[in-house]
Amino acid sequence: MGGKLKSRGGRIVAALVLVGSVVGLVSVIRSATEQQSWASAPGVVQERIREGKSFSVKVAYRLPDGSEQVATLSENGPAREPGEQVTVRYDLADGKVVDAALADNDQAFWVGGVMLGVLVLGALFANLIVWAPRRRAD
C-alpha cells in the first residue's frame, strides 16, 4: 500500500487534492468576507418555501432610497416563520440589488470552511507521507 501512495500517480493525486482544497478554502473565506461587507436592512419573512430537502424564505426589505425589495433567500440558519423579523445583507450595483442573503448565512460558511480545513489538513498529511524520502534497505 505504501508503495502505491509513493508512486508518481499517488504523489500527483495528493498534490492536486491539497491544491484543490486550499483553493476551495480560500474561496469560502473570500465569499464570507465579501458578504459581511454588504449593506444590511431589516426585513420581514412573508413566506417559507420548501424546495426539495431545503427551505427558502421570501423576505420583504427596504433599500436606502425607500424602495421595497422582495427576494427569495436560502435559509441556512434557524427556521424562520412568516412575520418574523430578519436582517438581510445585499449588494448594490448601479442602484440595483445584484445579490442578497440572510445575515445568519454565516453558519453555511463556517460549515464549509471547517470541512475544507479538515480536508486541507488531511491532504497536507498525505503529502508529507508521499513526499517523504523512502527508507533505504540496510
Protein backbone atom coordinates (compact mmCIF):
# COMPACT_ATOMS: atom_id res chain seq x y z
CA MET A 1 0.00 0.00 0.00
CA GLY A 2 2.79 2.43 0.90
CA GLY A 3 4.45 1.78 -2.45
CA LYS A 4 1.30 2.77 -4.33
CA LEU A 5 0.96 6.02 -2.39
CA LYS A 6 4.57 6.94 -3.08
CA SER A 7 4.22 6.26 -6.78
CA ARG A 8 4.23 9.14 -9.24
CA GLY A 9 0.43 8.91 -9.62
CA GLY A 10 -0.09 8.90 -5.86
CA ARG A 11 2.07 11.98 -5.47
CA ILE A 12 0.21 13.82 -8.23
CA VAL A 13 -3.18 12.98 -6.72
CA ALA A 14 -2.06 14.04 -3.23
CA ALA A 15 -0.73 17.34 -4.57
CA LEU A 16 -3.90 18.01 -6.59
CA VAL A 17 -6.13 17.31 -3.58
CA LEU A 18 -4.06 19.69 -1.47
CA VAL A 19 -4.15 22.45 -4.08
CA GLY A 20 -7.89 21.98 -4.71
CA SER A 21 -8.78 22.04 -1.03
CA VAL A 22 -6.66 25.15 -0.38
CA VAL A 23 -8.30 26.94 -3.34
CA GLY A 24 -11.74 25.93 -2.02
CA LEU A 25 -10.93 27.16 1.49
CA VAL A 26 -9.64 30.49 0.17
CA SER A 27 -12.80 30.85 -1.94
CA VAL A 28 -15.09 30.21 1.05
CA ILE A 29 -13.18 32.72 3.20
CA ARG A 30 -13.27 35.36 0.45
CA SER A 31 -17.02 34.87 -0.11
CA ALA A 32 -17.75 35.13 3.62
CA THR A 33 -15.64 38.26 3.97
CA GLU A 34 -17.21 39.87 0.92
CA GLN A 35 -20.75 39.13 2.09
CA GLN A 36 -20.08 40.64 5.52
CA SER A 37 -19.10 43.91 3.85
CA TRP A 38 -22.53 44.24 2.16
CA ALA A 39 -25.11 46.72 3.39
CA SER A 40 -27.88 45.35 5.59
CA ALA A 41 -31.52 46.14 6.20
CA PRO A 42 -34.26 44.79 8.44
CA GLY A 43 -36.78 42.62 6.67
CA VAL A 44 -39.93 40.61 7.31
CA VAL A 45 -40.43 37.00 6.28
CA GLN A 46 -43.51 36.76 4.06
CA GLU A 47 -43.46 33.08 3.21
CA ARG A 48 -41.45 29.92 3.90
CA ILE A 49 -40.92 27.73 0.84
CA ARG A 50 -39.82 24.09 0.74
CA GLU A 51 -37.64 23.26 -2.26
CA GLY A 52 -36.83 19.55 -2.17
CA LYS A 53 -34.87 18.94 1.03
CA SER A 54 -34.04 22.60 1.65
CA PHE A 55 -36.04 25.66 2.64
CA SER A 56 -36.10 29.24 1.37
CA VAL A 57 -37.89 32.30 2.66
CA LYS A 58 -39.49 35.14 0.78
CA VAL A 59 -38.41 38.33 2.52
CA ALA A 60 -39.51 41.95 2.04
CA TYR A 61 -37.00 44.68 2.94
CA ARG A 62 -36.38 48.34 2.14
CA LEU A 63 -33.38 49.88 0.40
CA PRO A 64 -31.92 53.24 1.49
CA ASP A 65 -33.81 55.01 -1.34
CA GLY A 66 -37.11 53.79 0.16
CA SER A 67 -37.94 51.21 -2.49
CA GLU A 68 -39.16 47.85 -1.24
CA GLN A 69 -37.49 44.67 -2.42
CA VAL A 70 -38.87 41.15 -2.19
CA ALA A 71 -36.37 38.31 -2.53
CA THR A 72 -36.39 34.56 -2.08
CA LEU A 73 -33.35 33.71 0.03
CA SER A 74 -31.81 30.41 1.15
CA GLU A 75 -32.44 29.56 4.77
CA ASN A 76 -29.21 28.17 6.21
CA GLY A 77 -29.77 29.08 9.84
CA PRO A 78 -32.75 28.56 12.11
CA ALA A 79 -36.24 28.05 10.69
CA ARG A 80 -37.97 31.36 10.01
CA GLU A 81 -41.74 31.75 10.13
CA PRO A 82 -43.92 34.31 8.28
CA GLY A 83 -44.00 37.65 10.10
CA GLU A 84 -40.61 37.11 11.74
CA GLN A 85 -38.05 39.93 11.62
CA VAL A 86 -34.73 39.12 9.89
CA THR A 87 -31.68 41.03 8.73
CA VAL A 88 -30.92 40.93 5.02
CA ARG A 89 -27.49 41.65 3.56
CA TYR A 90 -27.49 42.90 -0.01
CA ASP A 91 -25.02 44.01 -2.64
CA LEU A 92 -25.87 47.00 -4.82
CA ALA A 93 -24.50 47.75 -8.28
CA ASP A 94 -25.79 50.77 -10.21
CA GLY A 95 -28.59 51.17 -7.66
CA LYS A 96 -29.91 47.62 -8.16
CA VAL A 97 -29.63 44.62 -5.87
CA VAL A 98 -27.34 42.07 -7.52
CA ASP A 99 -27.21 39.62 -4.62
CA ALA A 100 -28.84 39.20 -1.23
CA ALA A 101 -28.67 36.77 1.68
CA LEU A 102 -29.95 36.40 5.21
CA ALA A 103 -27.46 37.75 7.73
CA ASP A 104 -27.45 34.41 9.59
CA ASN A 105 -25.97 32.82 6.48
CA ASP A 106 -22.59 32.73 8.26
CA GLN A 107 -23.31 29.21 9.52
CA ALA A 108 -23.04 27.85 5.97
CA PHE A 109 -19.63 29.48 5.58
CA TRP A 110 -18.46 28.05 8.91
CA VAL A 111 -19.56 24.53 7.96
CA GLY A 112 -17.93 24.75 4.53
CA GLY A 113 -14.78 26.31 5.98
CA VAL A 114 -14.39 23.67 8.68
CA MET A 115 -14.95 20.83 6.21
CA LEU A 116 -12.42 22.27 3.77
CA GLY A 117 -9.99 22.95 6.63
CA VAL A 118 -10.12 19.30 7.67
CA LEU A 119 -9.60 18.32 4.03
CA VAL A 120 -6.57 20.64 3.82
CA LEU A 121 -5.06 19.08 6.95
CA GLY A 122 -5.66 15.56 5.62
CA ALA A 123 -4.19 16.44 2.24
CA LEU A 124 -1.19 18.06 3.90
CA PHE A 125 -0.62 14.92 5.99
CA ALA A 126 -0.94 12.73 2.88
CA ASN A 127 1.58 14.92 1.06
CA LEU A 128 4.02 14.60 3.95
CA ILE A 129 3.74 10.83 3.69
CA VAL A 130 4.04 10.53 -0.10
CA TRP A 131 6.85 13.06 -0.49
CA ALA A 132 8.94 11.79 2.45
CA PRO A 133 12.15 10.12 1.31
CA ARG A 134 11.97 6.36 1.05
CA ARG A 135 13.76 4.28 3.63
CA ARG A 136 16.90 2.66 2.42
CA ALA A 137 17.36 -1.01 2.96
CA ASP A 138 20.46 -1.58 5.09
